[in-house]
Amino acid sequence: MRLGLGLTCAAALLTGAATFVSPTPLRALTAAASAAALAAAGLALRRQVGAVQLRLTPAAEVLMRADERAEPRLMQSLFVMPWLIVLGDRGGTLQVWPDRLGAQEYRRLAVACRWRRLAEKA
């Protein structure tokens, strides 16, 4: 994410400098588009969440909370494999890699997601 933000910043600076040196409507348009992309990338970086809290319910539902003030959201298991679990809802997806949790917690999450998917299919 930071690499993309750096590249977008460089593009905005270069197109702005090109517009300043030799102003043409097309260069002004590309400078404005680069500035808008830089603003959007900055907002996306600000919205990134730090620590995500996951909780399993007794019914094998996975609840996710992005921060302490947010309400827990029910996540659906979209992809479950030994090397990756992908959870999702209308707000987006969350990739859970084995090295982000302890071995026991990751196994419990994978089993809960598999059982939940089997119950949904039945």
N, C-alpha and C. Protein backbone atom coordinates (compact mmCIF):
# COMPACT_ATOMS: atom_id res chain seq x y z
N MET A 1 0.83 -1.19 0.00
CA MET A 1 0.00 0.00 0.00
C MET A 1 0.87 1.25 0.00
N ARG A 2 1.91 1.23 0.80
CA ARG A 2 2.79 2.40 0.86
C ARG A 2 3.56 2.60 -0.45
N LEU A 3 3.91 1.51 -1.11
CA LEU A 3 4.58 1.62 -2.40
C LEU A 3 3.66 2.28 -3.43
N GLY A 4 2.41 1.85 -3.45
CA GLY A 4 1.43 2.46 -4.36
C GLY A 4 1.22 3.93 -4.06
N LEU A 5 1.20 4.27 -2.77
CA LEU A 5 1.05 5.67 -2.39
C LEU A 5 2.26 6.48 -2.83
N GLY A 6 3.45 5.91 -2.69
CA GLY A 6 4.67 6.60 -3.13
C GLY A 6 4.70 6.81 -4.63
N LEU A 7 4.31 5.79 -5.39
CA LEU A 7 4.27 5.92 -6.85
C LEU A 7 3.22 6.94 -7.29
N THR A 8 2.08 6.95 -6.63
CA THR A 8 1.04 7.92 -6.96
C THR A 8 1.50 9.33 -6.64
N CYS A 9 2.22 9.49 -5.53
CA CYS A 9 2.76 10.79 -5.16
C CYS A 9 3.78 11.26 -6.20
N ALA A 10 4.64 10.35 -6.64
CA ALA A 10 5.63 10.71 -7.66
C ALA A 10 4.94 11.10 -8.97
N ALA A 11 3.90 10.36 -9.35
CA ALA A 11 3.17 10.70 -10.58
C ALA A 11 2.51 12.06 -10.47
N ALA A 12 1.94 12.36 -9.30
CA ALA A 12 1.29 13.66 -9.12
C ALA A 12 2.32 14.79 -9.20
N LEU A 13 3.48 14.58 -8.58
CA LEU A 13 4.53 15.62 -8.63
C LEU A 13 5.06 15.82 -10.04
N LEU A 14 5.31 14.72 -10.74
CA LEU A 14 5.84 14.83 -12.10
C LEU A 14 4.85 15.45 -13.07
N THR A 15 3.59 15.06 -12.99
CA THR A 15 2.61 15.66 -13.90
C THR A 15 2.36 17.12 -13.55
N GLY A 16 2.43 17.44 -12.26
CA GLY A 16 2.29 18.83 -11.86
C GLY A 16 3.45 19.68 -12.37
N ALA A 17 4.66 19.13 -12.27
CA ALA A 17 5.83 19.85 -12.78
C ALA A 17 5.77 20.00 -14.30
N ALA A 18 5.32 18.95 -15.00
CA ALA A 18 5.20 19.04 -16.46
C ALA A 18 4.17 20.08 -16.86
N THR A 19 3.10 20.19 -16.11
CA THR A 19 2.08 21.19 -16.40
C THR A 19 2.62 22.59 -16.15
N PHE A 20 3.43 22.73 -15.10
CA PHE A 20 4.01 24.04 -14.78
C PHE A 20 5.01 24.47 -15.85
N VAL A 21 5.82 23.53 -16.35
CA VAL A 21 6.84 23.84 -17.35
C VAL A 21 6.21 24.15 -18.71
N SER A 22 5.28 23.31 -19.12
CA SER A 22 4.65 23.49 -20.43
C SER A 22 3.15 23.23 -20.30
N PRO A 23 2.39 24.27 -19.95
CA PRO A 23 0.96 24.05 -19.69
C PRO A 23 0.16 23.77 -20.96
N THR A 24 -0.49 22.63 -20.96
CA THR A 24 -1.44 22.26 -22.00
C THR A 24 -2.67 21.69 -21.30
N PRO A 25 -3.82 21.71 -21.95
CA PRO A 25 -5.02 21.18 -21.30
C PRO A 25 -4.89 19.70 -20.90
N LEU A 26 -4.25 18.91 -21.74
CA LEU A 26 -4.10 17.49 -21.43
C LEU A 26 -3.20 17.28 -20.23
N ARG A 27 -2.11 18.03 -20.14
CA ARG A 27 -1.22 17.91 -18.98
C ARG A 27 -1.91 18.39 -17.71
N ALA A 28 -2.71 19.43 -17.81
CA ALA A 28 -3.45 19.91 -16.64
C ALA A 28 -4.46 18.87 -16.18
N LEU A 29 -5.09 18.20 -17.14
CA LEU A 29 -6.05 17.15 -16.80
C LEU A 29 -5.35 15.96 -16.12
N THR A 30 -4.19 15.56 -16.63
CA THR A 30 -3.48 14.44 -16.01
C THR A 30 -2.95 14.83 -14.63
N ALA A 31 -2.54 16.08 -14.46
CA ALA A 31 -2.10 16.53 -13.13
C ALA A 31 -3.26 16.51 -12.15
N ALA A 32 -4.44 16.94 -12.59
CA ALA A 32 -5.62 16.92 -11.71
C ALA A 32 -6.02 15.49 -11.37
N ALA A 33 -5.95 14.59 -12.35
CA ALA A 33 -6.29 13.19 -12.10
C ALA A 33 -5.29 12.55 -11.15
N SER A 34 -4.01 12.87 -11.30
CA SER A 34 -3.00 12.34 -10.39
C SER A 34 -3.19 12.87 -8.97
N ALA A 35 -3.55 14.14 -8.84
CA ALA A 35 -3.81 14.71 -7.52
C ALA A 35 -5.02 14.05 -6.87
N ALA A 36 -6.06 13.77 -7.66
CA ALA A 36 -7.24 13.09 -7.13
C ALA A 36 -6.90 11.66 -6.70
N ALA A 37 -6.07 10.98 -7.49
CA ALA A 37 -5.65 9.63 -7.12
C ALA A 37 -4.82 9.65 -5.85
N LEU A 38 -3.98 10.65 -5.69
CA LEU A 38 -3.17 10.78 -4.48
C LEU A 38 -4.07 11.01 -3.26
N ALA A 39 -5.08 11.85 -3.40
CA ALA A 39 -6.01 12.09 -2.29
C ALA A 39 -6.77 10.82 -1.93
N ALA A 40 -7.22 10.08 -2.94
CA ALA A 40 -7.93 8.83 -2.68
C ALA A 40 -7.04 7.80 -2.01
N ALA A 41 -5.78 7.71 -2.44
CA ALA A 41 -4.84 6.77 -1.82
C ALA A 41 -4.55 7.15 -0.38
N GLY A 42 -4.44 8.45 -0.13
CA GLY A 42 -4.22 8.91 1.24
C GLY A 42 -5.40 8.57 2.14
N LEU A 43 -6.61 8.74 1.64
CA LEU A 43 -7.80 8.37 2.43
C LEU A 43 -7.86 6.87 2.67
N ALA A 44 -7.51 6.08 1.68
CA ALA A 44 -7.52 4.62 1.84
C ALA A 44 -6.49 4.19 2.87
N LEU A 45 -5.35 4.84 2.90
CA LEU A 45 -4.32 4.51 3.88
C LEU A 45 -4.79 4.88 5.28
N ARG A 46 -5.50 5.98 5.40
CA ARG A 46 -6.02 6.40 6.70
C ARG A 46 -7.08 5.45 7.22
N ARG A 47 -7.87 4.87 6.31
CA ARG A 47 -8.96 3.98 6.70
C ARG A 47 -8.49 2.59 7.04
N GLN A 48 -7.24 2.25 6.75
CA GLN A 48 -6.77 0.90 7.03
C GLN A 48 -6.89 0.61 8.51
N VAL A 49 -7.31 -0.59 8.81
CA VAL A 49 -7.49 -0.98 10.20
C VAL A 49 -6.20 -1.57 10.73
N GLY A 50 -6.01 -1.45 12.02
CA GLY A 50 -4.84 -2.04 12.65
C GLY A 50 -5.14 -3.47 13.04
N ALA A 51 -5.44 -3.66 14.29
CA ALA A 51 -5.72 -5.00 14.79
C ALA A 51 -7.21 -5.32 14.61
N VAL A 52 -7.49 -6.43 13.99
CA VAL A 52 -8.86 -6.89 13.79
C VAL A 52 -9.14 -7.96 14.82
N GLN A 53 -10.29 -7.89 15.45
CA GLN A 53 -10.67 -8.88 16.44
C GLN A 53 -11.65 -9.87 15.82
N LEU A 54 -11.35 -11.15 15.93
CA LEU A 54 -12.24 -12.20 15.47
C LEU A 54 -12.75 -12.96 16.67
N ARG A 55 -14.02 -13.34 16.62
CA ARG A 55 -14.60 -14.11 17.71
C ARG A 55 -15.48 -15.19 17.13
N LEU A 56 -15.36 -16.40 17.66
CA LEU A 56 -16.21 -17.52 17.24
C LEU A 56 -17.35 -17.66 18.23
N THR A 57 -18.56 -17.81 17.71
CA THR A 57 -19.72 -18.06 18.56
C THR A 57 -19.92 -19.57 18.71
N PRO A 58 -20.73 -20.00 19.67
CA PRO A 58 -21.00 -21.44 19.79
C PRO A 58 -21.64 -22.05 18.55
N ALA A 59 -22.30 -21.23 17.72
CA ALA A 59 -22.93 -21.72 16.50
C ALA A 59 -21.97 -21.70 15.31
N ALA A 60 -20.66 -21.58 15.57
CA ALA A 60 -19.61 -21.56 14.55
C ALA A 60 -19.71 -20.34 13.64
N GLU A 61 -20.27 -19.25 14.12
CA GLU A 61 -20.30 -18.00 13.37
C GLU A 61 -19.04 -17.21 13.71
N VAL A 62 -18.53 -16.52 12.71
CA VAL A 62 -17.33 -15.70 12.91
C VAL A 62 -17.75 -14.24 12.93
N LEU A 63 -17.46 -13.58 14.04
CA LEU A 63 -17.75 -12.16 14.18
C LEU A 63 -16.44 -11.40 14.12
N MET A 64 -16.43 -10.30 13.37
CA MET A 64 -15.24 -9.48 13.23
C MET A 64 -15.54 -8.07 13.71
N ARG A 65 -14.57 -7.51 14.42
CA ARG A 65 -14.67 -6.11 14.84
C ARG A 65 -13.37 -5.43 14.49
N ALA A 66 -13.45 -4.34 13.72
CA ALA A 66 -12.26 -3.66 13.22
C ALA A 66 -11.59 -2.82 14.30
N ASP A 67 -12.36 -2.28 15.24
CA ASP A 67 -11.77 -1.53 16.34
C ASP A 67 -12.69 -1.63 17.55
N GLU A 68 -12.29 -1.00 18.64
CA GLU A 68 -13.03 -1.13 19.90
C GLU A 68 -14.43 -0.53 19.85
N ARG A 69 -14.64 0.50 19.03
CA ARG A 69 -15.93 1.18 19.00
C ARG A 69 -16.91 0.56 18.01
N ALA A 70 -16.41 -0.22 17.07
CA ALA A 70 -17.27 -0.76 16.00
C ALA A 70 -18.12 -1.92 16.50
N GLU A 71 -19.26 -2.06 15.88
CA GLU A 71 -20.12 -3.21 16.17
C GLU A 71 -19.56 -4.45 15.48
N PRO A 72 -19.65 -5.60 16.12
CA PRO A 72 -19.17 -6.83 15.46
C PRO A 72 -20.02 -7.15 14.23
N ARG A 73 -19.37 -7.59 13.16
CA ARG A 73 -20.05 -7.95 11.92
C ARG A 73 -19.93 -9.45 11.71
N LEU A 74 -21.01 -10.05 11.22
CA LEU A 74 -21.00 -11.47 10.91
C LEU A 74 -20.29 -11.68 9.58
N MET A 75 -19.26 -12.50 9.58
CA MET A 75 -18.48 -12.76 8.38
C MET A 75 -18.81 -14.15 7.84
N GLN A 76 -18.85 -14.27 6.54
CA GLN A 76 -19.06 -15.56 5.88
C GLN A 76 -17.70 -16.11 5.47
N SER A 77 -17.56 -17.42 5.53
CA SER A 77 -16.30 -18.01 5.07
C SER A 77 -16.39 -18.19 3.56
N LEU A 78 -15.50 -17.55 2.84
CA LEU A 78 -15.50 -17.59 1.39
C LEU A 78 -14.52 -18.62 0.84
N PHE A 79 -13.42 -18.83 1.56
CA PHE A 79 -12.37 -19.73 1.09
C PHE A 79 -11.66 -20.27 2.33
N VAL A 80 -11.58 -21.59 2.44
CA VAL A 80 -10.93 -22.20 3.59
C VAL A 80 -9.96 -23.26 3.11
N MET A 81 -8.69 -23.03 3.35
CA MET A 81 -7.62 -23.98 3.04
C MET A 81 -6.61 -23.95 4.17
N PRO A 82 -5.73 -24.93 4.23
CA PRO A 82 -4.73 -24.91 5.32
C PRO A 82 -3.80 -23.70 5.28
N TRP A 83 -3.62 -23.07 4.15
CA TRP A 83 -2.69 -21.95 4.05
C TRP A 83 -3.37 -20.58 4.04
N LEU A 84 -4.71 -20.55 3.94
CA LEU A 84 -5.40 -19.26 3.88
C LEU A 84 -6.88 -19.44 4.17
N ILE A 85 -7.43 -18.50 4.92
CA ILE A 85 -8.88 -18.41 5.15
C ILE A 85 -9.30 -17.02 4.72
N VAL A 86 -10.32 -16.95 3.88
CA VAL A 86 -10.86 -15.66 3.44
C VAL A 86 -12.27 -15.54 3.98
N LEU A 87 -12.49 -14.49 4.75
CA LEU A 87 -13.80 -14.17 5.30
C LEU A 87 -14.32 -12.94 4.59
N GLY A 88 -15.63 -12.82 4.46
CA GLY A 88 -16.17 -11.66 3.77
C GLY A 88 -17.59 -11.33 4.16
N ASP A 89 -17.97 -10.12 3.85
CA ASP A 89 -19.34 -9.64 3.97
C ASP A 89 -19.51 -8.51 2.97
N ARG A 90 -20.57 -7.74 3.09
CA ARG A 90 -20.80 -6.65 2.14
C ARG A 90 -19.72 -5.58 2.19
N GLY A 91 -19.08 -5.45 3.33
CA GLY A 91 -18.06 -4.42 3.50
C GLY A 91 -16.71 -4.77 2.90
N GLY A 92 -16.51 -6.01 2.50
CA GLY A 92 -15.24 -6.40 1.91
C GLY A 92 -14.80 -7.77 2.38
N THR A 93 -13.54 -8.06 2.18
CA THR A 93 -13.00 -9.35 2.56
C THR A 93 -11.86 -9.17 3.55
N LEU A 94 -11.57 -10.24 4.26
CA LEU A 94 -10.47 -10.27 5.21
C LEU A 94 -9.72 -11.57 4.98
N GLN A 95 -8.42 -11.46 4.70
CA GLN A 95 -7.58 -12.64 4.51
C GLN A 95 -6.90 -12.95 5.83
N VAL A 96 -7.04 -14.18 6.28
CA VAL A 96 -6.41 -14.62 7.53
C VAL A 96 -5.35 -15.65 7.16
N TRP A 97 -4.10 -15.31 7.37
CA TRP A 97 -2.98 -16.20 7.08
C TRP A 97 -2.58 -16.93 8.35
N PRO A 98 -2.03 -18.13 8.24
CA PRO A 98 -1.68 -18.92 9.43
C PRO A 98 -0.70 -18.22 10.36
N ASP A 99 0.20 -17.39 9.83
CA ASP A 99 1.17 -16.74 10.70
C ASP A 99 0.60 -15.55 11.47
N ARG A 100 -0.64 -15.17 11.20
CA ARG A 100 -1.28 -14.06 11.91
C ARG A 100 -1.95 -14.50 13.19
N LEU A 101 -2.18 -15.80 13.34
CA LEU A 101 -2.79 -16.36 14.54
C LEU A 101 -1.90 -17.46 15.08
N GLY A 102 -2.15 -17.87 16.31
CA GLY A 102 -1.47 -19.03 16.82
C GLY A 102 -1.98 -20.28 16.10
N ALA A 103 -1.22 -21.35 16.15
CA ALA A 103 -1.59 -22.57 15.43
C ALA A 103 -2.95 -23.10 15.89
N GLN A 104 -3.19 -23.10 17.19
CA GLN A 104 -4.46 -23.60 17.73
C GLN A 104 -5.63 -22.71 17.31
N GLU A 105 -5.45 -21.40 17.37
CA GLU A 105 -6.54 -20.48 16.99
C GLU A 105 -6.85 -20.58 15.50
N TYR A 106 -5.81 -20.70 14.68
CA TYR A 106 -6.03 -20.83 13.24
C TYR A 106 -6.78 -22.13 12.92
N ARG A 107 -6.40 -23.22 13.59
CA ARG A 107 -7.08 -24.50 13.36
C ARG A 107 -8.54 -24.41 13.79
N ARG A 108 -8.81 -23.79 14.93
CA ARG A 108 -10.20 -23.64 15.40
C ARG A 108 -11.03 -22.81 14.42
N LEU A 109 -10.43 -21.73 13.89
CA LEU A 109 -11.13 -20.89 12.92
C LEU A 109 -11.41 -21.67 11.64
N ALA A 110 -10.42 -22.43 11.16
CA ALA A 110 -10.61 -23.21 9.92
C ALA A 110 -11.70 -24.26 10.11
N VAL A 111 -11.70 -24.95 11.23
CA VAL A 111 -12.72 -25.97 11.49
C VAL A 111 -14.10 -25.32 11.58
N ALA A 112 -14.20 -24.19 12.28
CA ALA A 112 -15.49 -23.50 12.40
C ALA A 112 -15.99 -23.05 11.03
N CYS A 113 -15.10 -22.53 10.20
CA CYS A 113 -15.50 -22.08 8.86
C CYS A 113 -15.95 -23.25 8.00
N ARG A 114 -15.25 -24.38 8.08
CA ARG A 114 -15.65 -25.55 7.29
C ARG A 114 -17.01 -26.07 7.75
N TRP A 115 -17.21 -26.17 9.06
CA TRP A 115 -18.49 -26.65 9.58
C TRP A 115 -19.61 -25.70 9.21
N ARG A 116 -19.34 -24.42 9.26
CA ARG A 116 -20.36 -23.42 8.92
C ARG A 116 -20.74 -23.54 7.43
N ARG A 117 -19.74 -23.73 6.58
CA ARG A 117 -20.04 -23.87 5.14
C ARG A 117 -20.83 -25.14 4.87
N LEU A 118 -20.50 -26.22 5.56
CA LEU A 118 -21.26 -27.47 5.39
C LEU A 118 -22.70 -27.29 5.86
N ALA A 119 -22.89 -26.56 6.96
CA ALA A 119 -24.26 -26.34 7.48
C ALA A 119 -25.06 -25.46 6.52
N GLU A 120 -24.40 -24.50 5.86
CA GLU A 120 -25.10 -23.62 4.92
C GLU A 120 -25.50 -24.36 3.66
N LYS A 121 -24.69 -25.35 3.24
CA LYS A 121 -25.00 -26.10 2.04
C LYS A 121 -26.14 -27.10 2.26
N ALA A 122 -26.28 -27.59 3.49
CA ALA A 122 -27.29 -28.60 3.79
C ALA A 122 -28.69 -28.02 3.85
